[in-house]
Amino acid sequence: MTEPPVWLLDVDGVINGHPRRCGWDSPPKRIKPGFPVYFAPELADHIRAVHTSGLAEVRWCTTWCGYPFELAQLSAMLDLPFKPAFGDRPAHLTWADMKLAAAVEVLKSGRRLIWADDEEADVAPQFSATVADAEQEGRALLIAPESERGLRPEDLDRTEKFAAEARLAT
């Protein structure tokens, strides 16, 4: 059995969605860890379960990584105690650069990658041969949810299936 995949998880547009368009069974909840966040409780529950079960190792991969106090508050409020994939951003790099570097680092370490980001995940293969090759070979699952809705149940089904198959890989 191999190590579980690393799930790089963005916040805005992935967990944090438009308050009326989240589209889950229950209405979205609002919290304010420095910035307002609207999220579906079922979504947070599912992500937590994937992480605590060992199906995947979830890491924050978000611009919030540059705001460690707010990220720690968010983690506590959502009960999603994940490590950040990176720290603050050097001036010569963009947040997109930081996120892509985190994804490449996961793949180069030999781990499989799940990456949920509403802006970066779908374009990453254009900027990184490592990510493009991993996606084609089935070692990376890239999910780019609609920004106003965030992750949907079908995205979570794909994530679980990918992680379960990765667990069986030799």
N, C-alpha and C. Protein backbone atom coordinates (compact mmCIF):
# COMPACT_ATOMS: atom_id res chain seq x y z
N MET A 1 0.84 -1.18 0.00
CA MET A 1 0.00 0.00 0.00
C MET A 1 0.89 1.25 0.00
N THR A 2 0.54 2.20 -0.81
CA THR A 2 1.32 3.43 -0.92
C THR A 2 0.77 4.49 0.04
N GLU A 3 1.55 5.56 0.17
CA GLU A 3 1.07 6.68 0.99
C GLU A 3 -0.17 7.27 0.34
N PRO A 4 -1.06 7.84 1.15
CA PRO A 4 -2.26 8.45 0.56
C PRO A 4 -1.89 9.68 -0.26
N PRO A 5 -2.75 10.05 -1.17
CA PRO A 5 -2.48 11.28 -1.94
C PRO A 5 -2.53 12.50 -1.03
N VAL A 6 -1.90 13.55 -1.49
CA VAL A 6 -1.98 14.84 -0.83
C VAL A 6 -3.07 15.63 -1.54
N TRP A 7 -4.00 16.17 -0.76
CA TRP A 7 -5.09 16.98 -1.31
C TRP A 7 -4.77 18.43 -0.99
N LEU A 8 -4.39 19.20 -2.01
CA LEU A 8 -4.16 20.63 -1.87
C LEU A 8 -5.50 21.33 -2.01
N LEU A 9 -5.86 22.09 -0.99
CA LEU A 9 -7.20 22.64 -0.90
C LEU A 9 -7.18 24.16 -0.81
N ASP A 10 -7.79 24.80 -1.78
CA ASP A 10 -7.96 26.24 -1.78
C ASP A 10 -9.16 26.58 -0.89
N VAL A 11 -9.31 27.85 -0.55
CA VAL A 11 -10.45 28.27 0.27
C VAL A 11 -11.48 29.00 -0.57
N ASP A 12 -11.13 30.18 -1.06
CA ASP A 12 -12.09 31.01 -1.78
C ASP A 12 -12.43 30.39 -3.13
N GLY A 13 -13.73 30.19 -3.34
CA GLY A 13 -14.18 29.56 -4.57
C GLY A 13 -14.19 28.04 -4.51
N VAL A 14 -13.70 27.48 -3.40
CA VAL A 14 -13.66 26.02 -3.24
C VAL A 14 -14.47 25.62 -2.00
N ILE A 15 -14.12 26.20 -0.86
CA ILE A 15 -14.91 26.02 0.35
C ILE A 15 -15.84 27.22 0.53
N ASN A 16 -15.29 28.40 0.33
CA ASN A 16 -16.02 29.65 0.49
C ASN A 16 -16.74 29.98 -0.81
N GLY A 17 -18.06 29.92 -0.78
CA GLY A 17 -18.85 30.19 -1.97
C GLY A 17 -19.87 31.29 -1.73
N HIS A 18 -20.56 31.65 -2.76
CA HIS A 18 -21.62 32.65 -2.65
C HIS A 18 -22.70 32.13 -1.71
N PRO A 19 -23.17 32.95 -0.79
CA PRO A 19 -24.10 32.45 0.23
C PRO A 19 -25.39 31.85 -0.31
N ARG A 20 -25.85 32.26 -1.47
CA ARG A 20 -27.10 31.71 -2.00
C ARG A 20 -26.86 30.66 -3.08
N ARG A 21 -25.63 30.41 -3.42
CA ARG A 21 -25.39 29.50 -4.54
C ARG A 21 -24.58 28.26 -4.17
N CYS A 22 -24.37 28.04 -2.89
CA CYS A 22 -23.59 26.86 -2.49
C CYS A 22 -24.26 25.58 -2.95
N GLY A 23 -25.60 25.53 -2.87
CA GLY A 23 -26.34 24.43 -3.46
C GLY A 23 -26.31 23.11 -2.72
N TRP A 24 -25.97 23.11 -1.46
CA TRP A 24 -26.00 21.88 -0.68
C TRP A 24 -27.38 21.75 -0.03
N ASP A 25 -27.62 20.64 0.64
CA ASP A 25 -28.92 20.39 1.25
C ASP A 25 -29.28 21.42 2.31
N SER A 26 -28.33 21.74 3.15
CA SER A 26 -28.61 22.73 4.20
C SER A 26 -28.09 24.10 3.77
N PRO A 27 -28.63 25.16 4.35
CA PRO A 27 -28.15 26.49 3.98
C PRO A 27 -26.71 26.68 4.42
N PRO A 28 -25.98 27.53 3.71
CA PRO A 28 -24.59 27.75 4.10
C PRO A 28 -24.49 28.46 5.45
N LYS A 29 -23.39 28.18 6.13
CA LYS A 29 -23.10 28.87 7.38
C LYS A 29 -22.12 29.99 7.08
N ARG A 30 -22.17 31.02 7.91
CA ARG A 30 -21.24 32.14 7.76
C ARG A 30 -20.36 32.21 9.00
N ILE A 31 -19.06 32.29 8.77
CA ILE A 31 -18.11 32.54 9.84
C ILE A 31 -17.24 33.71 9.40
N LYS A 32 -16.52 34.28 10.34
CA LYS A 32 -15.69 35.43 9.98
C LYS A 32 -14.32 35.34 10.65
N PRO A 33 -13.42 34.53 10.07
CA PRO A 33 -12.06 34.46 10.59
C PRO A 33 -11.19 35.56 9.98
N GLY A 34 -11.57 36.78 10.19
CA GLY A 34 -10.88 37.91 9.55
C GLY A 34 -11.60 38.34 8.29
N PHE A 35 -12.01 37.40 7.48
CA PHE A 35 -12.75 37.64 6.24
C PHE A 35 -14.01 36.79 6.29
N PRO A 36 -15.13 37.24 5.74
CA PRO A 36 -16.35 36.41 5.77
C PRO A 36 -16.19 35.17 4.89
N VAL A 37 -16.66 34.05 5.41
CA VAL A 37 -16.62 32.78 4.70
C VAL A 37 -17.99 32.14 4.78
N TYR A 38 -18.53 31.75 3.64
CA TYR A 38 -19.79 31.02 3.57
C TYR A 38 -19.46 29.61 3.11
N PHE A 39 -19.89 28.63 3.88
CA PHE A 39 -19.54 27.24 3.55
C PHE A 39 -20.69 26.31 3.86
N ALA A 40 -20.67 25.19 3.20
CA ALA A 40 -21.66 24.14 3.46
C ALA A 40 -21.12 23.23 4.56
N PRO A 41 -21.85 23.08 5.67
CA PRO A 41 -21.36 22.20 6.74
C PRO A 41 -21.06 20.79 6.26
N GLU A 42 -21.87 20.28 5.32
CA GLU A 42 -21.63 18.92 4.79
C GLU A 42 -20.29 18.84 4.09
N LEU A 43 -19.91 19.91 3.42
CA LEU A 43 -18.63 19.94 2.72
C LEU A 43 -17.48 19.85 3.72
N ALA A 44 -17.53 20.68 4.77
CA ALA A 44 -16.47 20.63 5.78
C ALA A 44 -16.42 19.26 6.45
N ASP A 45 -17.58 18.68 6.74
CA ASP A 45 -17.63 17.35 7.35
C ASP A 45 -16.96 16.31 6.46
N HIS A 46 -17.25 16.39 5.18
CA HIS A 46 -16.68 15.42 4.24
C HIS A 46 -15.16 15.56 4.15
N ILE A 47 -14.70 16.77 4.00
CA ILE A 47 -13.25 16.99 3.89
C ILE A 47 -12.55 16.49 5.15
N ARG A 48 -13.11 16.80 6.30
CA ARG A 48 -12.55 16.33 7.57
C ARG A 48 -12.49 14.80 7.61
N ALA A 49 -13.54 14.15 7.18
CA ALA A 49 -13.60 12.69 7.20
C ALA A 49 -12.55 12.08 6.27
N VAL A 50 -12.36 12.66 5.10
CA VAL A 50 -11.34 12.16 4.18
C VAL A 50 -9.96 12.24 4.83
N HIS A 51 -9.70 13.35 5.50
CA HIS A 51 -8.40 13.56 6.14
C HIS A 51 -8.21 12.63 7.35
N THR A 52 -9.20 12.60 8.26
CA THR A 52 -9.03 11.82 9.49
C THR A 52 -9.04 10.32 9.22
N SER A 53 -9.68 9.88 8.15
CA SER A 53 -9.69 8.46 7.81
C SER A 53 -8.37 8.01 7.19
N GLY A 54 -7.53 8.97 6.80
CA GLY A 54 -6.27 8.63 6.15
C GLY A 54 -6.41 8.39 4.66
N LEU A 55 -7.59 8.65 4.12
CA LEU A 55 -7.80 8.48 2.69
C LEU A 55 -6.94 9.45 1.89
N ALA A 56 -6.75 10.65 2.42
CA ALA A 56 -5.86 11.65 1.82
C ALA A 56 -5.32 12.54 2.92
N GLU A 57 -4.16 13.11 2.68
CA GLU A 57 -3.60 14.11 3.59
C GLU A 57 -3.94 15.48 3.02
N VAL A 58 -4.78 16.20 3.73
CA VAL A 58 -5.23 17.51 3.23
C VAL A 58 -4.28 18.59 3.73
N ARG A 59 -3.92 19.50 2.82
CA ARG A 59 -3.10 20.66 3.15
C ARG A 59 -3.76 21.90 2.56
N TRP A 60 -3.72 22.99 3.29
CA TRP A 60 -4.20 24.25 2.75
C TRP A 60 -3.26 24.71 1.65
N CYS A 61 -3.82 25.10 0.53
CA CYS A 61 -3.04 25.64 -0.60
C CYS A 61 -3.82 26.83 -1.14
N THR A 62 -3.64 27.95 -0.47
CA THR A 62 -4.52 29.10 -0.65
C THR A 62 -3.77 30.39 -0.37
N THR A 63 -4.28 31.48 -0.86
CA THR A 63 -3.69 32.78 -0.52
C THR A 63 -3.78 33.03 0.97
N TRP A 64 -4.69 32.34 1.66
CA TRP A 64 -4.81 32.47 3.11
C TRP A 64 -3.53 32.02 3.81
N CYS A 65 -2.69 31.22 3.15
CA CYS A 65 -1.42 30.80 3.75
C CYS A 65 -0.56 32.01 4.10
N GLY A 66 -0.74 33.11 3.38
CA GLY A 66 -0.01 34.34 3.66
C GLY A 66 -0.57 35.11 4.84
N TYR A 67 -1.66 34.61 5.40
CA TYR A 67 -2.31 35.23 6.57
C TYR A 67 -2.45 34.15 7.64
N PRO A 68 -1.35 33.79 8.28
CA PRO A 68 -1.38 32.62 9.18
C PRO A 68 -2.37 32.73 10.34
N PHE A 69 -2.56 33.94 10.89
CA PHE A 69 -3.51 34.09 11.98
C PHE A 69 -4.93 33.78 11.51
N GLU A 70 -5.31 34.37 10.37
CA GLU A 70 -6.65 34.14 9.83
C GLU A 70 -6.83 32.69 9.39
N LEU A 71 -5.77 32.09 8.82
CA LEU A 71 -5.86 30.68 8.40
C LEU A 71 -6.04 29.78 9.63
N ALA A 72 -5.33 30.09 10.70
CA ALA A 72 -5.50 29.30 11.94
C ALA A 72 -6.92 29.46 12.49
N GLN A 73 -7.47 30.67 12.43
CA GLN A 73 -8.85 30.88 12.87
C GLN A 73 -9.81 30.09 11.99
N LEU A 74 -9.63 30.17 10.68
CA LEU A 74 -10.47 29.43 9.75
C LEU A 74 -10.41 27.93 10.05
N SER A 75 -9.21 27.42 10.20
CA SER A 75 -9.03 25.99 10.50
C SER A 75 -9.78 25.59 11.76
N ALA A 76 -9.67 26.42 12.79
CA ALA A 76 -10.35 26.11 14.05
C ALA A 76 -11.87 26.20 13.91
N MET A 77 -12.35 27.24 13.23
CA MET A 77 -13.80 27.42 13.07
C MET A 77 -14.43 26.31 12.25
N LEU A 78 -13.71 25.81 11.26
CA LEU A 78 -14.22 24.73 10.42
C LEU A 78 -13.87 23.35 10.97
N ASP A 79 -13.03 23.32 12.01
CA ASP A 79 -12.49 22.07 12.54
C ASP A 79 -11.78 21.29 11.44
N LEU A 80 -10.98 22.03 10.68
CA LEU A 80 -10.16 21.45 9.61
C LEU A 80 -8.70 21.83 9.89
N PRO A 81 -8.06 21.10 10.79
CA PRO A 81 -6.72 21.47 11.26
C PRO A 81 -5.59 21.00 10.32
N PHE A 82 -5.53 21.58 9.15
CA PHE A 82 -4.55 21.15 8.16
C PHE A 82 -3.32 22.05 8.17
N LYS A 83 -2.21 21.49 7.74
CA LYS A 83 -0.99 22.28 7.59
C LYS A 83 -1.08 23.09 6.31
N PRO A 84 -0.46 24.26 6.28
CA PRO A 84 -0.39 25.00 5.02
C PRO A 84 0.66 24.39 4.10
N ALA A 85 0.42 24.46 2.81
CA ALA A 85 1.35 23.93 1.82
C ALA A 85 2.57 24.85 1.64
N PHE A 86 2.43 26.10 2.05
CA PHE A 86 3.53 27.07 1.94
C PHE A 86 3.27 28.20 2.92
N GLY A 87 4.25 29.08 3.05
CA GLY A 87 4.11 30.23 3.94
C GLY A 87 3.80 31.48 3.16
N ASP A 88 4.33 32.57 3.63
CA ASP A 88 4.09 33.85 2.97
C ASP A 88 4.74 33.86 1.59
N ARG A 89 4.26 34.73 0.75
CA ARG A 89 4.71 34.79 -0.64
C ARG A 89 5.84 35.80 -0.79
N PRO A 90 6.97 35.35 -1.35
CA PRO A 90 8.01 36.33 -1.69
C PRO A 90 7.50 37.29 -2.76
N ALA A 91 7.99 38.50 -2.74
CA ALA A 91 7.49 39.55 -3.64
C ALA A 91 7.65 39.20 -5.13
N HIS A 92 8.63 38.38 -5.46
CA HIS A 92 8.87 38.08 -6.88
C HIS A 92 8.00 36.94 -7.40
N LEU A 93 7.16 36.35 -6.56
CA LEU A 93 6.29 35.26 -6.99
C LEU A 93 4.83 35.67 -6.82
N THR A 94 3.96 35.04 -7.60
CA THR A 94 2.51 35.23 -7.43
C THR A 94 1.97 34.09 -6.57
N TRP A 95 0.73 34.26 -6.10
CA TRP A 95 0.10 33.16 -5.37
C TRP A 95 -0.04 31.94 -6.27
N ALA A 96 -0.30 32.17 -7.55
CA ALA A 96 -0.39 31.05 -8.50
C ALA A 96 0.94 30.30 -8.57
N ASP A 97 2.05 31.03 -8.56
CA ASP A 97 3.37 30.39 -8.56
C ASP A 97 3.54 29.50 -7.33
N MET A 98 3.13 30.03 -6.18
CA MET A 98 3.27 29.29 -4.93
C MET A 98 2.42 28.01 -4.93
N LYS A 99 1.21 28.12 -5.43
CA LYS A 99 0.32 26.96 -5.48
C LYS A 99 0.87 25.91 -6.44
N LEU A 100 1.32 26.34 -7.60
CA LEU A 100 1.88 25.41 -8.58
C LEU A 100 3.12 24.72 -8.03
N ALA A 101 3.98 25.48 -7.37
CA ALA A 101 5.19 24.89 -6.78
C ALA A 101 4.82 23.84 -5.73
N ALA A 102 3.77 24.09 -4.95
CA ALA A 102 3.33 23.11 -3.95
C ALA A 102 2.85 21.84 -4.62
N ALA A 103 2.11 21.97 -5.72
CA ALA A 103 1.63 20.80 -6.45
C ALA A 103 2.79 20.00 -7.04
N VAL A 104 3.73 20.69 -7.64
CA VAL A 104 4.90 20.01 -8.23
C VAL A 104 5.71 19.31 -7.14
N GLU A 105 5.86 19.95 -5.99
CA GLU A 105 6.60 19.35 -4.87
C GLU A 105 5.95 18.04 -4.43
N VAL A 106 4.63 18.01 -4.34
CA VAL A 106 3.92 16.78 -3.97
C VAL A 106 4.23 15.68 -4.98
N LEU A 107 4.10 15.99 -6.25
CA LEU A 107 4.33 14.99 -7.29
C LEU A 107 5.78 14.51 -7.32
N LYS A 108 6.71 15.43 -7.17
CA LYS A 108 8.13 15.05 -7.18
C LYS A 108 8.51 14.21 -5.97
N SER A 109 7.73 14.31 -4.90
CA SER A 109 7.98 13.49 -3.71
C SER A 109 7.49 12.05 -3.91
N GLY A 110 6.80 11.81 -5.02
CA GLY A 110 6.28 10.48 -5.31
C GLY A 110 4.84 10.25 -4.86
N ARG A 111 4.24 11.26 -4.26
CA ARG A 111 2.86 11.13 -3.82
C ARG A 111 1.91 11.49 -4.96
N ARG A 112 0.72 10.94 -4.90
CA ARG A 112 -0.34 11.34 -5.82
C ARG A 112 -0.93 12.66 -5.34
N LEU A 113 -1.56 13.36 -6.26
CA LEU A 113 -2.04 14.71 -5.98
C LEU A 113 -3.52 14.84 -6.28
N ILE A 114 -4.24 15.43 -5.34
CA ILE A 114 -5.58 15.94 -5.57
C ILE A 114 -5.46 17.45 -5.36
N TRP A 115 -5.93 18.22 -6.31
CA TRP A 115 -5.79 19.67 -6.19
C TRP A 115 -7.13 20.30 -6.52
N ALA A 116 -7.74 20.94 -5.53
CA ALA A 116 -9.01 21.63 -5.71
C ALA A 116 -8.76 23.13 -5.61
N ASP A 117 -8.88 23.81 -6.74
CA ASP A 117 -8.66 25.25 -6.81
C ASP A 117 -9.48 25.78 -7.97
N ASP A 118 -10.29 26.79 -7.70
CA ASP A 118 -11.19 27.30 -8.72
C ASP A 118 -10.48 28.06 -9.83
N GLU A 119 -9.27 28.52 -9.60
CA GLU A 119 -8.57 29.30 -10.61
C GLU A 119 -7.34 28.62 -11.17
N GLU A 120 -6.60 27.91 -10.35
CA GLU A 120 -5.29 27.41 -10.78
C GLU A 120 -5.29 25.97 -11.28
N ALA A 121 -6.15 25.12 -10.74
CA ALA A 121 -6.06 23.70 -11.05
C ALA A 121 -6.26 23.38 -12.52
N ASP A 122 -7.22 24.03 -13.16
CA ASP A 122 -7.49 23.68 -14.55
C ASP A 122 -6.43 24.21 -15.53
N VAL A 123 -5.69 25.25 -15.15
CA VAL A 123 -4.66 25.79 -16.05
C VAL A 123 -3.27 25.27 -15.72
N ALA A 124 -3.09 24.63 -14.58
CA ALA A 124 -1.77 24.17 -14.16
C ALA A 124 -1.05 23.30 -15.19
N PRO A 125 -1.75 22.37 -15.87
CA PRO A 125 -1.03 21.55 -16.86
C PRO A 125 -0.40 22.37 -17.99
N GLN A 126 -0.93 23.55 -18.26
CA GLN A 126 -0.35 24.41 -19.30
C GLN A 126 0.99 25.00 -18.86
N PHE A 127 1.21 25.09 -17.56
CA PHE A 127 2.40 25.73 -17.02
C PHE A 127 3.40 24.76 -16.42
N SER A 128 3.02 23.50 -16.27
CA SER A 128 3.92 22.53 -15.67
C SER A 128 3.78 21.17 -16.34
N ALA A 129 4.86 20.73 -16.95
CA ALA A 129 4.87 19.40 -17.57
C ALA A 129 4.71 18.33 -16.49
N THR A 130 5.23 18.57 -15.31
CA THR A 130 5.10 17.61 -14.22
C THR A 130 3.63 17.37 -13.89
N VAL A 131 2.87 18.44 -13.78
CA VAL A 131 1.43 18.32 -13.47
C VAL A 131 0.69 17.71 -14.65
N ALA A 132 1.01 18.15 -15.87
CA ALA A 132 0.34 17.62 -17.06
C ALA A 132 0.57 16.12 -17.19
N ASP A 133 1.82 15.69 -17.02
CA ASP A 133 2.13 14.25 -17.12
C ASP A 133 1.42 13.46 -16.04
N ALA A 134 1.44 13.98 -14.81
CA ALA A 134 0.79 13.27 -13.70
C ALA A 134 -0.71 13.13 -13.94
N GLU A 135 -1.33 14.17 -14.47
CA GLU A 135 -2.77 14.09 -14.75
C GLU A 135 -3.04 13.04 -15.83
N GLN A 136 -2.25 13.05 -16.87
CA GLN A 136 -2.45 12.07 -17.95
C GLN A 136 -2.20 10.64 -17.49
N GLU A 137 -1.26 10.46 -16.58
CA GLU A 137 -0.91 9.13 -16.07
C GLU A 137 -1.83 8.67 -14.94
N GLY A 138 -2.76 9.52 -14.53
CA GLY A 138 -3.68 9.16 -13.46
C GLY A 138 -3.09 9.33 -12.07
N ARG A 139 -2.01 10.10 -11.93
CA ARG A 139 -1.40 10.35 -10.62
C ARG A 139 -1.85 11.68 -10.03
N ALA A 140 -2.65 12.44 -10.79
CA ALA A 140 -3.16 13.72 -10.30
C ALA A 140 -4.62 13.88 -10.70
N LEU A 141 -5.39 14.36 -9.75
CA LEU A 141 -6.79 14.71 -10.00
C LEU A 141 -6.90 16.21 -9.75
N LEU A 142 -7.23 16.94 -10.79
CA LEU A 142 -7.35 18.39 -10.71
C LEU A 142 -8.83 18.77 -10.77
N ILE A 143 -9.29 19.48 -9.77
CA ILE A 143 -10.70 19.87 -9.68
C ILE A 143 -10.77 21.38 -9.64
N ALA A 144 -11.48 21.96 -10.60
CA ALA A 144 -11.67 23.41 -10.67
C ALA A 144 -13.16 23.71 -10.55
N PRO A 145 -13.65 23.85 -9.32
CA PRO A 145 -15.09 24.10 -9.16
C PRO A 145 -15.47 25.50 -9.63
N GLU A 146 -16.73 25.66 -9.92
CA GLU A 146 -17.27 26.98 -10.24
C GLU A 146 -17.10 27.87 -9.01
N SER A 147 -16.48 29.01 -9.18
CA SER A 147 -16.09 29.88 -8.05
C SER A 147 -17.22 30.22 -7.10
N GLU A 148 -18.37 30.49 -7.61
CA GLU A 148 -19.48 30.90 -6.74
C GLU A 148 -20.14 29.73 -6.01
N ARG A 149 -19.87 28.51 -6.46
CA ARG A 149 -20.52 27.37 -5.84
C ARG A 149 -19.58 26.54 -4.99
N GLY A 150 -18.31 26.51 -5.36
CA GLY A 150 -17.35 25.70 -4.62
C GLY A 150 -17.50 24.22 -4.94
N LEU A 151 -16.87 23.41 -4.12
CA LEU A 151 -16.91 21.97 -4.33
C LEU A 151 -18.34 21.45 -4.20
N ARG A 152 -18.68 20.53 -5.06
CA ARG A 152 -20.01 19.93 -5.12
C ARG A 152 -19.91 18.46 -4.70
N PRO A 153 -21.01 17.82 -4.39
CA PRO A 153 -20.96 16.40 -4.02
C PRO A 153 -20.26 15.54 -5.07
N GLU A 154 -20.49 15.82 -6.35
CA GLU A 154 -19.84 15.01 -7.39
C GLU A 154 -18.32 15.19 -7.38
N ASP A 155 -17.84 16.37 -7.00
CA ASP A 155 -16.39 16.58 -6.86
C ASP A 155 -15.84 15.72 -5.72
N LEU A 156 -16.60 15.66 -4.64
CA LEU A 156 -16.16 14.86 -3.51
C LEU A 156 -16.19 13.37 -3.83
N ASP A 157 -17.16 12.95 -4.62
CA ASP A 157 -17.20 11.55 -5.07
C ASP A 157 -15.95 11.22 -5.89
N ARG A 158 -15.58 12.12 -6.80
CA ARG A 158 -14.37 11.91 -7.61
C ARG A 158 -13.12 11.87 -6.74
N THR A 159 -13.08 12.74 -5.74
CA THR A 159 -11.95 12.79 -4.82
C THR A 159 -11.81 11.48 -4.06
N GLU A 160 -12.91 11.01 -3.51
CA GLU A 160 -12.88 9.75 -2.75
C GLU A 160 -12.49 8.58 -3.63
N LYS A 161 -13.03 8.51 -4.83
CA LYS A 161 -12.71 7.42 -5.74
C LYS A 161 -11.22 7.44 -6.09
N PHE A 162 -10.69 8.61 -6.41
CA PHE A 162 -9.28 8.74 -6.75
C PHE A 162 -8.41 8.32 -5.56
N ALA A 163 -8.74 8.78 -4.37
CA ALA A 163 -7.96 8.46 -3.18
C ALA A 163 -8.02 6.96 -2.87
N ALA A 164 -9.19 6.37 -3.02
CA ALA A 164 -9.33 4.93 -2.76
C ALA A 164 -8.52 4.13 -3.77
N GLU A 165 -8.54 4.52 -5.03
CA GLU A 165 -7.75 3.82 -6.05
C GLU A 165 -6.26 4.01 -5.80
N ALA A 166 -5.86 5.18 -5.34
CA ALA A 166 -4.45 5.43 -5.02
C ALA A 166 -3.99 4.55 -3.89
N ARG A 167 -4.89 4.31 -2.95
CA ARG A 167 -4.55 3.47 -1.79
C ARG A 167 -4.26 2.03 -2.22
N LEU A 168 -4.92 1.58 -3.28
CA LEU A 168 -4.74 0.21 -3.76
C LEU A 168 -3.54 0.07 -4.69
N ALA A 169 -3.05 1.18 -5.21
CA ALA A 169 -1.93 1.13 -6.16
C ALA A 169 -0.66 0.62 -5.46
N THR A 170 0.13 -0.04 -6.23
CA THR A 170 1.40 -0.54 -5.68
C THR A 170 2.57 0.18 -6.25
